[in-house]
Amino acid sequence: MVAARRRDLGVPIERRHLETPASQPRGQRDRGDTPAAWPCTGSARLDLPADVVARWAPGGSVVEHLDTDHCRLALGAWSWAGIAGILAPFDAELTDLRPPELVQAGRRLARRWATLTETGDSDDPTRLS
């Protein structure tokens, strides 16, 4: 019914088939965006293929292919903890974090999570353990 009304108004309707992100060609380092300007920028080596990371990396980040099972993700955020938090959902081993401020932020977050799991009451649904 909507299509018929549009035709009556003289608006041509054409069906388009959009490409999926996986079908779009990309270079080794091309996430599809340009690196964004952030107060904090860092990178990490992930034990995941570059095409997997590129699919889920935030806009403005850069994914570098290292080999079939590893890549480097460079990205920015408002804080070092923010970058560490963005890396967490990849659920992969992280190595060679740069710069040292990102390493320190990762350690602080790890301590916070460890404290939550160690001190939680197992009957408290708001606690992790």
Protein backbone atom coordinates (compact mmCIF):
# COMPACT_ATOMS: atom_id res chain seq x y z
CA MET A 1 0.00 0.00 0.00
CA VAL A 2 2.83 2.39 0.82
CA ALA A 3 4.58 1.50 -2.42
CA ALA A 4 1.41 2.17 -4.38
CA ARG A 5 1.01 5.58 -2.77
CA ARG A 6 4.59 6.44 -3.59
CA ARG A 7 4.07 5.46 -7.21
CA ASP A 8 0.99 7.63 -7.32
CA LEU A 9 3.16 10.53 -6.21
CA GLY A 10 5.61 9.83 -9.01
CA VAL A 11 8.43 8.67 -6.72
CA PRO A 12 10.31 5.78 -8.35
CA ILE A 13 11.00 2.82 -6.07
CA GLU A 14 13.97 0.60 -6.74
CA ARG A 15 15.08 -2.38 -4.69
CA ARG A 16 18.75 -2.21 -3.74
CA HIS A 17 20.91 -4.99 -2.40
CA LEU A 18 23.43 -3.54 0.02
CA GLU A 19 26.82 -5.12 0.50
CA THR A 20 27.59 -6.66 3.86
CA PRO A 21 30.76 -5.50 5.63
CA ALA A 22 32.36 -8.91 5.02
CA SER A 23 31.95 -8.52 1.26
CA GLN A 24 33.62 -5.11 1.08
CA PRO A 25 37.32 -5.25 0.19
CA ARG A 26 39.70 -3.85 2.80
CA GLY A 27 43.43 -3.48 3.07
CA GLN A 28 45.47 -5.00 5.86
CA ARG A 29 45.42 -1.87 7.99
CA ASP A 30 42.11 -0.41 6.86
CA ARG A 31 39.26 -0.52 9.40
CA GLY A 32 37.23 1.62 7.04
CA ASP A 33 37.80 4.82 9.00
CA THR A 34 40.61 7.20 9.64
CA PRO A 35 42.24 7.23 13.07
CA ALA A 36 40.34 9.57 15.37
CA ALA A 37 41.94 12.24 17.53
CA TRP A 38 41.59 11.22 21.21
CA PRO A 39 43.32 12.37 24.39
CA CYS A 40 44.58 8.80 24.92
CA THR A 41 45.72 6.49 22.12
CA GLY A 42 47.22 3.05 22.48
CA SER A 43 47.54 -0.35 20.89
CA ALA A 44 47.67 -4.04 21.73
CA ARG A 45 48.47 -7.30 19.99
CA LEU A 46 45.42 -9.57 20.01
CA ASP A 47 45.37 -13.33 19.51
CA LEU A 48 42.63 -13.00 16.89
CA PRO A 49 42.65 -12.71 13.08
CA ALA A 50 42.57 -9.17 11.72
CA ASP A 51 39.28 -9.70 9.84
CA VAL A 52 37.50 -10.68 13.07
CA VAL A 53 38.83 -7.68 14.98
CA ALA A 54 38.09 -5.29 12.09
CA ARG A 55 34.47 -6.40 12.07
CA TRP A 56 33.97 -5.34 15.70
CA ALA A 57 36.57 -2.62 16.24
CA PRO A 58 35.16 0.84 16.94
CA GLY A 59 35.21 3.54 14.30
CA GLY A 60 38.45 5.46 14.13
CA SER A 61 40.57 2.46 15.08
CA VAL A 62 43.24 0.79 12.94
CA VAL A 63 43.69 -2.97 12.66
CA GLU A 64 47.09 -4.24 11.49
CA HIS A 65 47.37 -7.80 10.14
CA LEU A 66 50.34 -9.56 11.77
CA ASP A 67 49.71 -13.17 10.71
CA THR A 68 46.71 -15.47 10.22
CA ASP A 69 45.95 -15.63 13.97
CA HIS A 70 47.16 -12.26 15.29
CA CYS A 71 46.70 -8.55 14.72
CA ARG A 72 47.45 -5.22 16.35
CA LEU A 73 44.57 -2.91 17.23
CA ALA A 74 45.32 0.79 17.63
CA LEU A 75 42.57 2.96 19.05
CA GLY A 76 41.75 5.94 21.18
CA ALA A 77 39.42 6.96 23.98
CA TRP A 78 38.89 9.63 26.61
CA SER A 79 40.88 7.64 29.17
CA TRP A 80 43.35 4.79 29.42
CA ALA A 81 40.73 2.76 31.28
CA GLY A 82 38.39 3.40 28.36
CA ILE A 83 40.85 1.81 25.92
CA ALA A 84 41.35 -1.15 28.26
CA GLY A 85 37.57 -1.51 28.47
CA ILE A 86 37.23 -1.50 24.68
CA LEU A 87 39.81 -4.30 24.43
CA ALA A 88 38.00 -6.52 26.96
CA PRO A 89 35.01 -7.58 24.78
CA PHE A 90 37.34 -9.23 22.28
CA ASP A 91 37.91 -11.91 24.97
CA ALA A 92 41.36 -12.69 23.57
CA GLU A 93 44.90 -12.81 24.91
CA LEU A 94 46.47 -9.35 24.83
CA THR A 95 50.21 -8.75 24.61
CA ASP A 96 52.55 -5.90 23.75
CA LEU A 97 50.27 -3.17 25.10
CA ARG A 98 51.48 0.35 24.35
CA PRO A 99 52.08 2.83 25.93
CA PRO A 100 52.86 2.08 29.60
CA GLU A 101 49.80 4.11 30.67
CA LEU A 102 47.56 1.54 28.97
CA VAL A 103 49.33 -1.29 30.79
CA GLN A 104 48.79 0.50 34.12
CA ALA A 105 45.10 1.07 33.35
CA GLY A 106 44.69 -2.62 32.52
CA ARG A 107 46.31 -3.55 35.84
CA ARG A 108 44.01 -1.18 37.76
CA LEU A 109 40.93 -2.68 36.09
CA ALA A 110 42.17 -6.22 36.78
CA ARG A 111 42.58 -5.35 40.48
CA ARG A 112 39.06 -3.89 40.61
CA TRP A 113 37.54 -6.99 39.02
CA ALA A 114 39.59 -9.28 41.28
CA THR A 115 38.34 -7.39 44.34
CA LEU A 116 34.74 -7.81 43.19
CA THR A 117 35.10 -11.54 42.77
CA GLU A 118 37.07 -12.08 46.01
CA THR A 119 34.88 -10.05 48.36
CA GLY A 120 31.44 -10.79 46.95
CA ASP A 121 28.73 -12.54 48.94
CA SER A 122 27.68 -15.58 46.91
CA ASP A 123 24.01 -14.94 47.85
CA ASP A 124 24.14 -11.31 46.67
CA PRO A 125 22.89 -11.12 43.01
CA THR A 126 24.73 -7.80 42.53
CA ARG A 127 28.12 -9.48 43.11
CA LEU A 128 30.09 -11.50 40.58
CA SER A 129 30.97 -14.37 42.90
